[in-house]
Amino acid sequence: MKTSFLPAFTRIVVLLIVSQVLPVSAEEALTELVKKVQPSVVLILTYDSSGESLG
């Protein structure tokens, strides 16, 4: 069975286009997520009895 070159080429082109478009939308989604989570981020510092940082 002989397969046509065009469908394989079309799939490769579509894959390349989609791979270039998706990171942009993912980056926008990440930016929105950071904006939503940012107010709830808390930094906890711990110290021992002599005032030294535990890490």
PDB file of N, CA and C in Angstrom:
ATOM      1  N   MET A   1       0.848  -1.174   0.000  1.00  0.00           N
ATOM      2  CA  MET A   1       0.000   0.000   0.000  1.00  0.00           C
ATOM      3  C   MET A   1       0.893   1.236   0.000  1.00  0.00           C
ATOM      4  N   LYS A   2       0.686   2.105  -0.958  1.00  0.00           N
ATOM      5  CA  LYS A   2       1.478   3.324  -1.090  1.00  0.00           C
ATOM      6  C   LYS A   2       0.791   4.464  -0.336  1.00  0.00           C
ATOM      7  N   THR A   3       1.541   5.166   0.486  1.00  0.00           N
ATOM      8  CA  THR A   3       0.971   6.291   1.222  1.00  0.00           C
ATOM      9  C   THR A   3       1.411   7.585   0.571  1.00  0.00           C
ATOM     10  N   SER A   4       0.551   8.556   0.655  1.00  0.00           N
ATOM     11  CA  SER A   4       0.829   9.855   0.057  1.00  0.00           C
ATOM     12  C   SER A   4       1.739  10.663   0.980  1.00  0.00           C
ATOM     13  N   PHE A   5       2.599  11.460   0.367  1.00  0.00           N
ATOM     14  CA  PHE A   5       3.508  12.314   1.121  1.00  0.00           C
ATOM     15  C   PHE A   5       2.766  13.486   1.754  1.00  0.00           C
ATOM     16  N   LEU A   6       1.733  13.978   1.109  1.00  0.00           N
ATOM     17  CA  LEU A   6       1.035  15.177   1.558  1.00  0.00           C
ATOM     18  C   LEU A   6       0.400  15.040   2.946  1.00  0.00           C
ATOM     19  N   PRO A   7      -0.340  13.980   3.260  1.00  0.00           N
ATOM     20  CA  PRO A   7      -0.910  13.897   4.614  1.00  0.00           C
ATOM     21  C   PRO A   7       0.150  13.886   5.719  1.00  0.00           C
ATOM     22  N   ALA A   8       1.253  13.204   5.518  1.00  0.00           N
ATOM     23  CA  ALA A   8       2.305  13.179   6.528  1.00  0.00           C
ATOM     24  C   ALA A   8       2.914  14.570   6.682  1.00  0.00           C
ATOM     25  N   PHE A   9       3.140  15.237   5.570  1.00  0.00           N
ATOM     26  CA  PHE A   9       3.703  16.586   5.592  1.00  0.00           C
ATOM     27  C   PHE A   9       2.744  17.542   6.291  1.00  0.00           C
ATOM     28  N   THR A  10       1.454  17.406   6.000  1.00  0.00           N
ATOM     29  CA  THR A  10       0.440  18.256   6.628  1.00  0.00           C
ATOM     30  C   THR A  10       0.419  18.047   8.138  1.00  0.00           C
ATOM     31  N   ARG A  11       0.517  16.815   8.572  1.00  0.00           N
ATOM     32  CA  ARG A  11       0.543  16.534  10.020  1.00  0.00           C
ATOM     33  C   ARG A  11       1.749  17.177  10.687  1.00  0.00           C
ATOM     34  N   ILE A  12       2.892  17.122  10.019  1.00  0.00           N
ATOM     35  CA  ILE A  12       4.104  17.718  10.583  1.00  0.00           C
ATOM     36  C   ILE A  12       3.957  19.228  10.684  1.00  0.00           C
ATOM     37  N   VAL A  13       3.413  19.858   9.650  1.00  0.00           N
ATOM     38  CA  VAL A  13       3.223  21.311   9.665  1.00  0.00           C
ATOM     39  C   VAL A  13       2.249  21.708  10.767  1.00  0.00           C
ATOM     40  N   VAL A  14       1.149  20.987  10.896  1.00  0.00           N
ATOM     41  CA  VAL A  14       0.169  21.282  11.945  1.00  0.00           C
ATOM     42  C   VAL A  14       0.803  21.113  13.323  1.00  0.00           C
ATOM     43  N   LEU A  15       1.578  20.073  13.515  1.00  0.00           N
ATOM     44  CA  LEU A  15       2.247  19.839  14.785  1.00  0.00           C
ATOM     45  C   LEU A  15       3.195  20.992  15.124  1.00  0.00           C
ATOM     46  N   LEU A  16       3.947  21.457  14.146  1.00  0.00           N
ATOM     47  CA  LEU A  16       4.870  22.573  14.376  1.00  0.00           C
ATOM     48  C   LEU A  16       4.121  23.854  14.729  1.00  0.00           C
ATOM     49  N   ILE A  17       3.030  24.105  14.047  1.00  0.00           N
ATOM     50  CA  ILE A  17       2.244  25.313  14.332  1.00  0.00           C
ATOM     51  C   ILE A  17       1.642  25.236  15.731  1.00  0.00           C
ATOM     52  N   VAL A  18       1.063  24.107  16.078  1.00  0.00           N
ATOM     53  CA  VAL A  18       0.454  23.946  17.404  1.00  0.00           C
ATOM     54  C   VAL A  18       1.505  24.043  18.502  1.00  0.00           C
ATOM     55  N   SER A  19       2.687  23.484  18.268  1.00  0.00           N
ATOM     56  CA  SER A  19       3.728  23.526  19.295  1.00  0.00           C
ATOM     57  C   SER A  19       4.234  24.943  19.523  1.00  0.00           C
ATOM     58  N   GLN A  20       4.069  25.815  18.560  1.00  0.00           N
ATOM     59  CA  GLN A  20       4.479  27.205  18.726  1.00  0.00           C
ATOM     60  C   GLN A  20       3.389  28.042  19.380  1.00  0.00           C
ATOM     61  N   VAL A  21       2.138  27.656  19.219  1.00  0.00           N
ATOM     62  CA  VAL A  21       1.017  28.415  19.758  1.00  0.00           C
ATOM     63  C   VAL A  21       0.741  28.053  21.213  1.00  0.00           C
ATOM     64  N   LEU A  22       0.846  26.792  21.575  1.00  0.00           N
ATOM     65  CA  LEU A  22       0.492  26.350  22.926  1.00  0.00           C
ATOM     66  C   LEU A  22       1.325  26.978  24.030  1.00  0.00           C
ATOM     67  N   PRO A  23       2.647  27.122  23.898  1.00  0.00           N
ATOM     68  CA  PRO A  23       3.395  27.737  24.993  1.00  0.00           C
ATOM     69  C   PRO A  23       2.935  29.149  25.333  1.00  0.00           C
ATOM     70  N   VAL A  24       2.461  29.901  24.362  1.00  0.00           N
ATOM     71  CA  VAL A  24       1.971  31.248  24.619  1.00  0.00           C
ATOM     72  C   VAL A  24       0.737  31.199  25.493  1.00  0.00           C
ATOM     73  N   SER A  25      -0.199  30.332  25.178  1.00  0.00           N
ATOM     74  CA  SER A  25      -1.403  30.241  25.985  1.00  0.00           C
ATOM     75  C   SER A  25      -1.085  29.669  27.364  1.00  0.00           C
ATOM     76  N   ALA A  26      -0.130  28.751  27.449  1.00  0.00           N
ATOM     77  CA  ALA A  26       0.266  28.206  28.744  1.00  0.00           C
ATOM     78  C   ALA A  26       0.932  29.285  29.582  1.00  0.00           C
ATOM     79  N   GLU A  27       1.725  30.147  28.942  1.00  0.00           N
ATOM     80  CA  GLU A  27       2.388  31.231  29.673  1.00  0.00           C
ATOM     81  C   GLU A  27       1.356  32.206  30.218  1.00  0.00           C
ATOM     82  N   GLU A  28       0.334  32.508  29.427  1.00  0.00           N
ATOM     83  CA  GLU A  28      -0.726  33.392  29.896  1.00  0.00           C
ATOM     84  C   GLU A  28      -1.473  32.758  31.059  1.00  0.00           C
ATOM     85  N   ALA A  29      -1.724  31.468  30.978  1.00  0.00           N
ATOM     86  CA  ALA A  29      -2.423  30.772  32.058  1.00  0.00           C
ATOM     87  C   ALA A  29      -1.574  30.777  33.326  1.00  0.00           C
ATOM     88  N   LEU A  30      -0.266  30.615  33.177  1.00  0.00           N
ATOM     89  CA  LEU A  30       0.625  30.643  34.331  1.00  0.00           C
ATOM     90  C   LEU A  30       0.625  32.020  34.971  1.00  0.00           C
ATOM     91  N   THR A  31       0.632  33.061  34.154  1.00  0.00           N
ATOM     92  CA  THR A  31       0.596  34.430  34.687  1.00  0.00           C
ATOM     93  C   THR A  31      -0.673  34.656  35.487  1.00  0.00           C
ATOM     94  N   GLU A  32      -1.797  34.201  34.968  1.00  0.00           N
ATOM     95  CA  GLU A  32      -3.065  34.344  35.701  1.00  0.00           C
ATOM     96  C   GLU A  32      -3.041  33.538  36.997  1.00  0.00           C
ATOM     97  N   LEU A  33      -2.470  32.349  36.967  1.00  0.00           N
ATOM     98  CA  LEU A  33      -2.380  31.516  38.165  1.00  0.00           C
ATOM     99  C   LEU A  33      -1.530  32.192  39.229  1.00  0.00           C
ATOM    100  N   VAL A  34      -0.414  32.775  38.827  1.00  0.00           N
ATOM    101  CA  VAL A  34       0.454  33.470  39.786  1.00  0.00           C
ATOM    102  C   VAL A  34      -0.292  34.637  40.410  1.00  0.00           C
ATOM    103  N   LYS A  35      -1.050  35.368  39.622  1.00  0.00           N
ATOM    104  CA  LYS A  35      -1.821  36.496  40.162  1.00  0.00           C
ATOM    105  C   LYS A  35      -2.854  36.030  41.179  1.00  0.00           C
ATOM    106  N   LYS A  36      -3.462  34.863  40.941  1.00  0.00           N
ATOM    107  CA  LYS A  36      -4.466  34.345  41.870  1.00  0.00           C
ATOM    108  C   LYS A  36      -3.833  33.818  43.155  1.00  0.00           C
ATOM    109  N   VAL A  37      -2.679  33.185  43.044  1.00  0.00           N
ATOM    110  CA  VAL A  37      -2.054  32.526  44.184  1.00  0.00           C
ATOM    111  C   VAL A  37      -1.193  33.490  45.002  1.00  0.00           C
ATOM    112  N   GLN A  38      -0.698  34.525  44.382  1.00  0.00           N
ATOM    113  CA  GLN A  38       0.253  35.432  45.024  1.00  0.00           C
ATOM    114  C   GLN A  38      -0.200  35.934  46.401  1.00  0.00           C
ATOM    115  N   PRO A  39      -1.437  36.346  46.608  1.00  0.00           N
ATOM    116  CA  PRO A  39      -1.826  36.818  47.936  1.00  0.00           C
ATOM    117  C   PRO A  39      -1.784  35.729  49.009  1.00  0.00           C
ATOM    118  N   SER A  40      -1.801  34.465  48.611  1.00  0.00           N
ATOM    119  CA  SER A  40      -1.841  33.396  49.601  1.00  0.00           C
ATOM    120  C   SER A  40      -0.476  32.765  49.872  1.00  0.00           C
ATOM    121  N   VAL A  41       0.574  33.276  49.258  1.00  0.00           N
ATOM    122  CA  VAL A  41       1.910  32.728  49.479  1.00  0.00           C
ATOM    123  C   VAL A  41       2.461  33.295  50.781  1.00  0.00           C
ATOM    124  N   VAL A  42       2.962  32.423  51.640  1.00  0.00           N
ATOM    125  CA  VAL A  42       3.467  32.820  52.948  1.00  0.00           C
ATOM    126  C   VAL A  42       4.884  32.284  53.112  1.00  0.00           C
ATOM    127  N   LEU A  43       5.762  33.109  53.656  1.00  0.00           N
ATOM    128  CA  LEU A  43       7.128  32.691  53.935  1.00  0.00           C
ATOM    129  C   LEU A  43       7.226  32.437  55.432  1.00  0.00           C
ATOM    130  N   ILE A  44       7.652  31.237  55.813  1.00  0.00           N
ATOM    131  CA  ILE A  44       7.788  30.884  57.228  1.00  0.00           C
ATOM    132  C   ILE A  44       9.263  30.682  57.532  1.00  0.00           C
ATOM    133  N   LEU A  45       9.763  31.453  58.459  1.00  0.00           N
ATOM    134  CA  LEU A  45      11.151  31.337  58.893  1.00  0.00           C
ATOM    135  C   LEU A  45      11.169  30.698  60.272  1.00  0.00           C
ATOM    136  N   THR A  46      12.068  29.761  60.495  1.00  0.00           N
ATOM    137  CA  THR A  46      12.157  29.098  61.795  1.00  0.00           C
ATOM    138  C   THR A  46      13.535  29.339  62.391  1.00  0.00           C
ATOM    139  N   TYR A  47      13.550  29.496  63.705  1.00  0.00           N
ATOM    140  CA  TYR A  47      14.794  29.772  64.443  1.00  0.00           C
ATOM    141  C   TYR A  47      14.857  28.844  65.659  1.00  0.00           C
ATOM    142  N   ASP A  48      16.071  28.522  66.067  1.00  0.00           N
ATOM    143  CA  ASP A  48      16.236  27.739  67.285  1.00  0.00           C
ATOM    144  C   ASP A  48      16.241  28.663  68.491  1.00  0.00           C
ATOM    145  N   SER A  49      16.440  28.116  69.680  1.00  0.00           N
ATOM    146  CA  SER A  49      16.379  28.906  70.915  1.00  0.00           C
ATOM    147  C   SER A  49      17.465  29.975  71.015  1.00  0.00           C
ATOM    148  N   SER A  50      18.565  29.791  70.260  1.00  0.00           N
ATOM    149  CA  SER A  50      19.622  30.814  70.308  1.00  0.00           C
ATOM    150  C   SER A  50      19.471  31.859  69.202  1.00  0.00           C
ATOM    151  N   GLY A  51      18.399  31.759  68.421  1.00  0.00           N
ATOM    152  CA  GLY A  51      18.141  32.747  67.396  1.00  0.00           C
ATOM    153  C   GLY A  51      18.757  32.424  66.041  1.00  0.00           C
ATOM    154  N   GLU A  52      19.310  31.240  65.909  1.00  0.00           N
ATOM    155  CA  GLU A  52      19.910  30.830  64.638  1.00  0.00           C
ATOM    156  C   GLU A  52      18.821  30.297  63.708  1.00  0.00           C
ATOM    157  N   SER A  53      18.943  30.605  62.440  1.00  0.00           N
ATOM    158  CA  SER A  53      17.985  30.124  61.463  1.00  0.00           C
ATOM    159  C   SER A  53      18.116  28.615  61.300  1.00  0.00           C
ATOM    160  N   LEU A  54      16.963  27.937  61.223  1.00  0.00           N
ATOM    161  CA  LEU A  54      16.962  26.478  61.040  1.00  0.00           C
ATOM    162  C   LEU A  54      16.906  26.075  59.575  1.00  0.00           C
ATOM    163  N   GLY A  55      16.832  27.011  58.688  1.00  0.00           N
ATOM    164  CA  GLY A  55      16.856  26.640  57.280  1.00  0.00           C
ATOM    165  C   GLY A  55      15.880  27.366  56.509  1.00  0.00           C
TER     166      GLY A  55
END
